[in-house]
Amino acid sequence: MRGSRLVAFGDLGMEAIHEFDVKDMPVTVAVDAKGTSVHVTGPAEWQQRIAGIPILQ
């Protein structure tokens, strides 16, 4: 990371909004503005998608 700056709500500690300046770092946003987490929706979606695929043994 090259640097960061506080954008808003500094009094909220780790819930504050920060801007980060990074280089060569892939990022995934895990929670959207409504609080929906990809860590919950992702596994549920993929379990549904692969449910019909037969398992070869």
PDB file of N, CA and C in Angstrom:
ATOM      1  N   MET A   1       0.840  -1.166   0.000  1.00  0.00           N
ATOM      2  CA  MET A   1       0.000   0.000   0.000  1.00  0.00           C
ATOM      3  C   MET A   1       0.892   1.238   0.000  1.00  0.00           C
ATOM      4  N   ARG A   2       0.525   2.183  -0.806  1.00  0.00           N
ATOM      5  CA  ARG A   2       1.299   3.418  -0.904  1.00  0.00           C
ATOM      6  C   ARG A   2       0.901   4.429   0.165  1.00  0.00           C
ATOM      7  N   GLY A   3      -0.382   4.426   0.542  1.00  0.00           N
ATOM      8  CA  GLY A   3      -0.833   5.391   1.536  1.00  0.00           C
ATOM      9  C   GLY A   3      -2.335   5.312   1.724  1.00  0.00           C
ATOM     10  N   SER A   4      -2.830   6.080   2.687  1.00  0.00           N
ATOM     11  CA  SER A   4      -4.268   6.129   2.931  1.00  0.00           C
ATOM     12  C   SER A   4      -4.624   7.480   3.517  1.00  0.00           C
ATOM     13  N   ARG A   5      -5.921   7.812   3.455  1.00  0.00           N
ATOM     14  CA  ARG A   5      -6.400   9.034   4.097  1.00  0.00           C
ATOM     15  C   ARG A   5      -7.803   8.805   4.614  1.00  0.00           C
ATOM     16  N   LEU A   6      -8.109   9.433   5.715  1.00  0.00           N
ATOM     17  CA  LEU A   6      -9.441   9.380   6.302  1.00  0.00           C
ATOM     18  C   LEU A   6     -10.354  10.270   5.480  1.00  0.00           C
ATOM     19  N   VAL A   7     -11.480   9.711   5.030  1.00  0.00           N
ATOM     20  CA  VAL A   7     -12.415  10.468   4.201  1.00  0.00           C
ATOM     21  C   VAL A   7     -13.561  11.014   5.044  1.00  0.00           C
ATOM     22  N   ALA A   8     -14.113  10.162   5.933  1.00  0.00           N
ATOM     23  CA  ALA A   8     -15.265  10.599   6.735  1.00  0.00           C
ATOM     24  C   ALA A   8     -15.442   9.717   7.964  1.00  0.00           C
ATOM     25  N   PHE A   9     -16.124  10.238   8.952  1.00  0.00           N
ATOM     26  CA  PHE A   9     -16.539   9.510  10.150  1.00  0.00           C
ATOM     27  C   PHE A   9     -15.367   8.947  10.957  1.00  0.00           C
ATOM     28  N   GLY A  10     -14.331   9.743  11.135  1.00  0.00           N
ATOM     29  CA  GLY A  10     -13.156   9.310  11.885  1.00  0.00           C
ATOM     30  C   GLY A  10     -13.474   8.876  13.300  1.00  0.00           C
ATOM     31  N   ASP A  11     -14.529   9.430  13.887  1.00  0.00           N
ATOM     32  CA  ASP A  11     -14.906   9.077  15.252  1.00  0.00           C
ATOM     33  C   ASP A  11     -15.459   7.658  15.366  1.00  0.00           C
ATOM     34  N   LEU A  12     -15.697   6.998  14.241  1.00  0.00           N
ATOM     35  CA  LEU A  12     -16.240   5.636  14.253  1.00  0.00           C
ATOM     36  C   LEU A  12     -15.159   4.563  14.269  1.00  0.00           C
ATOM     37  N   GLY A  13     -13.904   4.961  14.356  1.00  0.00           N
ATOM     38  CA  GLY A  13     -12.818   3.986  14.416  1.00  0.00           C
ATOM     39  C   GLY A  13     -12.718   3.172  13.150  1.00  0.00           C
ATOM     40  N   MET A  14     -12.750   1.815  13.287  1.00  0.00           N
ATOM     41  CA  MET A  14     -12.569   0.975  12.101  1.00  0.00           C
ATOM     42  C   MET A  14     -13.766   0.995  11.155  1.00  0.00           C
ATOM     43  N   GLU A  15     -14.865   1.615  11.553  1.00  0.00           N
ATOM     44  CA  GLU A  15     -16.025   1.768  10.670  1.00  0.00           C
ATOM     45  C   GLU A  15     -15.942   3.052   9.852  1.00  0.00           C
ATOM     46  N   ALA A  16     -14.910   3.857  10.079  1.00  0.00           N
ATOM     47  CA  ALA A  16     -14.725   5.099   9.330  1.00  0.00           C
ATOM     48  C   ALA A  16     -14.473   4.788   7.855  1.00  0.00           C
ATOM     49  N   ILE A  17     -14.628   5.800   7.030  1.00  0.00           N
ATOM     50  CA  ILE A  17     -14.397   5.630   5.598  1.00  0.00           C
ATOM     51  C   ILE A  17     -12.996   6.130   5.265  1.00  0.00           C
ATOM     52  N   HIS A  18     -12.200   5.246   4.665  1.00  0.00           N
ATOM     53  CA  HIS A  18     -10.834   5.575   4.277  1.00  0.00           C
ATOM     54  C   HIS A  18     -10.669   5.418   2.775  1.00  0.00           C
ATOM     55  N   GLU A  19      -9.720   6.145   2.231  1.00  0.00           N
ATOM     56  CA  GLU A  19      -9.326   5.988   0.834  1.00  0.00           C
ATOM     57  C   GLU A  19      -7.909   5.423   0.841  1.00  0.00           C
ATOM     58  N   PHE A  20      -7.695   4.358   0.079  1.00  0.00           N
ATOM     59  CA  PHE A  20      -6.386   3.718   0.035  1.00  0.00           C
ATOM     60  C   PHE A  20      -5.768   3.874  -1.341  1.00  0.00           C
ATOM     61  N   ASP A  21      -4.492   4.122  -1.378  1.00  0.00           N
ATOM     62  CA  ASP A  21      -3.726   4.195  -2.617  1.00  0.00           C
ATOM     63  C   ASP A  21      -2.845   2.942  -2.666  1.00  0.00           C
ATOM     64  N   VAL A  22      -3.211   2.014  -3.552  1.00  0.00           N
ATOM     65  CA  VAL A  22      -2.493   0.738  -3.622  1.00  0.00           C
ATOM     66  C   VAL A  22      -1.989   0.500  -5.049  1.00  0.00           C
ATOM     67  N   LYS A  23      -1.031  -0.413  -5.167  1.00  0.00           N
ATOM     68  CA  LYS A  23      -0.501  -0.778  -6.475  1.00  0.00           C
ATOM     69  C   LYS A  23      -0.433  -2.298  -6.554  1.00  0.00           C
ATOM     70  N   ASP A  24      -0.887  -2.859  -7.671  1.00  0.00           N
ATOM     71  CA  ASP A  24      -0.816  -4.300  -7.933  1.00  0.00           C
ATOM     72  C   ASP A  24      -1.464  -5.129  -6.830  1.00  0.00           C
ATOM     73  N   MET A  25      -2.685  -4.767  -6.448  1.00  0.00           N
ATOM     74  CA  MET A  25      -3.389  -5.526  -5.417  1.00  0.00           C
ATOM     75  C   MET A  25      -4.825  -5.764  -5.867  1.00  0.00           C
ATOM     76  N   PRO A  26      -5.170  -7.006  -6.207  1.00  0.00           N
ATOM     77  CA  PRO A  26      -6.555  -7.289  -6.576  1.00  0.00           C
ATOM     78  C   PRO A  26      -7.461  -7.118  -5.365  1.00  0.00           C
ATOM     79  N   VAL A  27      -8.657  -6.604  -5.592  1.00  0.00           N
ATOM     80  CA  VAL A  27      -9.583  -6.322  -4.496  1.00  0.00           C
ATOM     81  C   VAL A  27     -10.956  -6.882  -4.821  1.00  0.00           C
ATOM     82  N   THR A  28     -11.596  -7.460  -3.825  1.00  0.00           N
ATOM     83  CA  THR A  28     -12.983  -7.886  -3.922  1.00  0.00           C
ATOM     84  C   THR A  28     -13.769  -7.188  -2.831  1.00  0.00           C
ATOM     85  N   VAL A  29     -14.838  -6.507  -3.217  1.00  0.00           N
ATOM     86  CA  VAL A  29     -15.707  -5.885  -2.224  1.00  0.00           C
ATOM     87  C   VAL A  29     -16.659  -6.955  -1.736  1.00  0.00           C
ATOM     88  N   ALA A  30     -16.584  -7.260  -0.442  1.00  0.00           N
ATOM     89  CA  ALA A  30     -17.324  -8.395   0.098  1.00  0.00           C
ATOM     90  C   ALA A  30     -18.702  -8.032   0.637  1.00  0.00           C
ATOM     91  N   VAL A  31     -18.949  -6.765   0.942  1.00  0.00           N
ATOM     92  CA  VAL A  31     -20.236  -6.349   1.500  1.00  0.00           C
ATOM     93  C   VAL A  31     -20.723  -5.135   0.719  1.00  0.00           C
ATOM     94  N   ASP A  32     -21.970  -5.206   0.251  1.00  0.00           N
ATOM     95  CA  ASP A  32     -22.509  -4.072  -0.499  1.00  0.00           C
ATOM     96  C   ASP A  32     -23.155  -3.048   0.441  1.00  0.00           C
ATOM     97  N   ALA A  33     -23.721  -1.987  -0.121  1.00  0.00           N
ATOM     98  CA  ALA A  33     -24.291  -0.894   0.666  1.00  0.00           C
ATOM     99  C   ALA A  33     -25.495  -1.319   1.502  1.00  0.00           C
ATOM    100  N   LYS A  34     -26.107  -2.443   1.156  1.00  0.00           N
ATOM    101  CA  LYS A  34     -27.254  -2.936   1.922  1.00  0.00           C
ATOM    102  C   LYS A  34     -26.836  -3.934   2.992  1.00  0.00           C
ATOM    103  N   GLY A  35     -25.540  -4.220   3.100  1.00  0.00           N
ATOM    104  CA  GLY A  35     -25.050  -5.156   4.105  1.00  0.00           C
ATOM    105  C   GLY A  35     -25.017  -6.603   3.648  1.00  0.00           C
ATOM    106  N   THR A  36     -25.293  -6.842   2.373  1.00  0.00           N
ATOM    107  CA  THR A  36     -25.266  -8.198   1.836  1.00  0.00           C
ATOM    108  C   THR A  36     -23.816  -8.629   1.641  1.00  0.00           C
ATOM    109  N   SER A  37     -23.465  -9.785   2.190  1.00  0.00           N
ATOM    110  CA  SER A  37     -22.085 -10.266   2.129  1.00  0.00           C
ATOM    111  C   SER A  37     -21.924 -11.338   1.065  1.00  0.00           C
ATOM    112  N   VAL A  38     -20.908 -11.187   0.211  1.00  0.00           N
ATOM    113  CA  VAL A  38     -20.608 -12.185  -0.804  1.00  0.00           C
ATOM    114  C   VAL A  38     -20.166 -13.501  -0.151  1.00  0.00           C
ATOM    115  N   HIS A  39     -19.690 -13.425   1.088  1.00  0.00           N
ATOM    116  CA  HIS A  39     -19.285 -14.639   1.795  1.00  0.00           C
ATOM    117  C   HIS A  39     -20.495 -15.494   2.174  1.00  0.00           C
ATOM    118  N   VAL A  40     -21.681 -14.908   2.163  1.00  0.00           N
ATOM    119  CA  VAL A  40     -22.927 -15.640   2.412  1.00  0.00           C
ATOM    120  C   VAL A  40     -23.596 -15.992   1.091  1.00  0.00           C
ATOM    121  N   THR A  41     -23.755 -15.004   0.218  1.00  0.00           N
ATOM    122  CA  THR A  41     -24.476 -15.232  -1.034  1.00  0.00           C
ATOM    123  C   THR A  41     -23.696 -16.095  -2.023  1.00  0.00           C
ATOM    124  N   GLY A  42     -22.368 -15.966  -2.039  1.00  0.00           N
ATOM    125  CA  GLY A  42     -21.546 -16.730  -2.983  1.00  0.00           C
ATOM    126  C   GLY A  42     -21.661 -18.231  -2.811  1.00  0.00           C
ATOM    127  N   PRO A  43     -21.356 -18.764  -1.610  1.00  0.00           N
ATOM    128  CA  PRO A  43     -21.470 -20.210  -1.417  1.00  0.00           C
ATOM    129  C   PRO A  43     -22.897 -20.723  -1.664  1.00  0.00           C
ATOM    130  N   ALA A  44     -23.898 -19.961  -1.238  1.00  0.00           N
ATOM    131  CA  ALA A  44     -25.287 -20.394  -1.452  1.00  0.00           C
ATOM    132  C   ALA A  44     -25.608 -20.468  -2.935  1.00  0.00           C
ATOM    133  N   GLU A  45     -25.161 -19.479  -3.703  1.00  0.00           N
ATOM    134  CA  GLU A  45     -25.406 -19.475  -5.146  1.00  0.00           C
ATOM    135  C   GLU A  45     -24.705 -20.645  -5.827  1.00  0.00           C
ATOM    136  N   TRP A  46     -23.441 -20.896  -5.480  1.00  0.00           N
ATOM    137  CA  TRP A  46     -22.693 -21.965  -6.136  1.00  0.00           C
ATOM    138  C   TRP A  46     -23.179 -23.345  -5.725  1.00  0.00           C
ATOM    139  N   GLN A  47     -23.641 -23.504  -4.498  1.00  0.00           N
ATOM    140  CA  GLN A  47     -24.234 -24.800  -4.111  1.00  0.00           C
ATOM    141  C   GLN A  47     -25.442 -25.093  -4.981  1.00  0.00           C
ATOM    142  N   GLN A  48     -26.235 -24.059  -5.236  1.00  0.00           N
ATOM    143  CA  GLN A  48     -27.426 -24.214  -6.082  1.00  0.00           C
ATOM    144  C   GLN A  48     -27.014 -24.513  -7.527  1.00  0.00           C
ATOM    145  N   ARG A  49     -26.025 -23.825  -8.038  1.00  0.00           N
ATOM    146  CA  ARG A  49     -25.579 -24.024  -9.422  1.00  0.00           C
ATOM    147  C   ARG A  49     -25.011 -25.418  -9.670  1.00  0.00           C
ATOM    148  N   ILE A  50     -24.265 -25.949  -8.717  1.00  0.00           N
ATOM    149  CA  ILE A  50     -23.594 -27.245  -8.951  1.00  0.00           C
ATOM    150  C   ILE A  50     -24.391 -28.440  -8.443  1.00  0.00           C
ATOM    151  N   ALA A  51     -25.560 -28.183  -7.861  1.00  0.00           N
ATOM    152  CA  ALA A  51     -26.365 -29.260  -7.276  1.00  0.00           C
ATOM    153  C   ALA A  51     -26.703 -30.357  -8.287  1.00  0.00           C
ATOM    154  N   GLY A  52     -26.920 -30.011  -9.526  1.00  0.00           N
ATOM    155  CA  GLY A  52     -27.330 -30.976 -10.529  1.00  0.00           C
ATOM    156  C   GLY A  52     -26.175 -31.650 -11.267  1.00  0.00           C
ATOM    157  N   ILE A  53     -24.951 -31.311 -10.967  1.00  0.00           N
ATOM    158  CA  ILE A  53     -23.805 -31.893 -11.654  1.00  0.00           C
ATOM    159  C   ILE A  53     -23.463 -33.240 -11.016  1.00  0.00           C
ATOM    160  N   PRO A  54     -23.462 -34.289 -11.813  1.00  0.00           N
ATOM    161  CA  PRO A  54     -23.148 -35.612 -11.229  1.00  0.00           C
ATOM    162  C   PRO A  54     -21.681 -35.709 -10.791  1.00  0.00           C
ATOM    163  N   ILE A  55     -21.468 -36.431  -9.731  1.00  0.00           N
ATOM    164  CA  ILE A  55     -20.121 -36.646  -9.222  1.00  0.00           C
ATOM    165  C   ILE A  55     -19.568 -37.920  -9.824  1.00  0.00           C
ATOM    166  N   LEU A  56     -18.430 -37.834 -10.493  1.00  0.00           N
ATOM    167  CA  LEU A  56     -17.815 -39.009 -11.121  1.00  0.00           C
ATOM    168  C   LEU A  56     -16.844 -39.655 -10.132  1.00  0.00           C
ATOM    169  N   GLN A  57     -16.947 -40.963 -10.028  1.00  0.00           N
ATOM    170  CA  GLN A  57     -16.042 -41.679  -9.127  1.00  0.00           C
ATOM    171  C   GLN A  57     -15.343 -42.788  -9.845  1.00  0.00           C
TER     172      GLN A  57
END
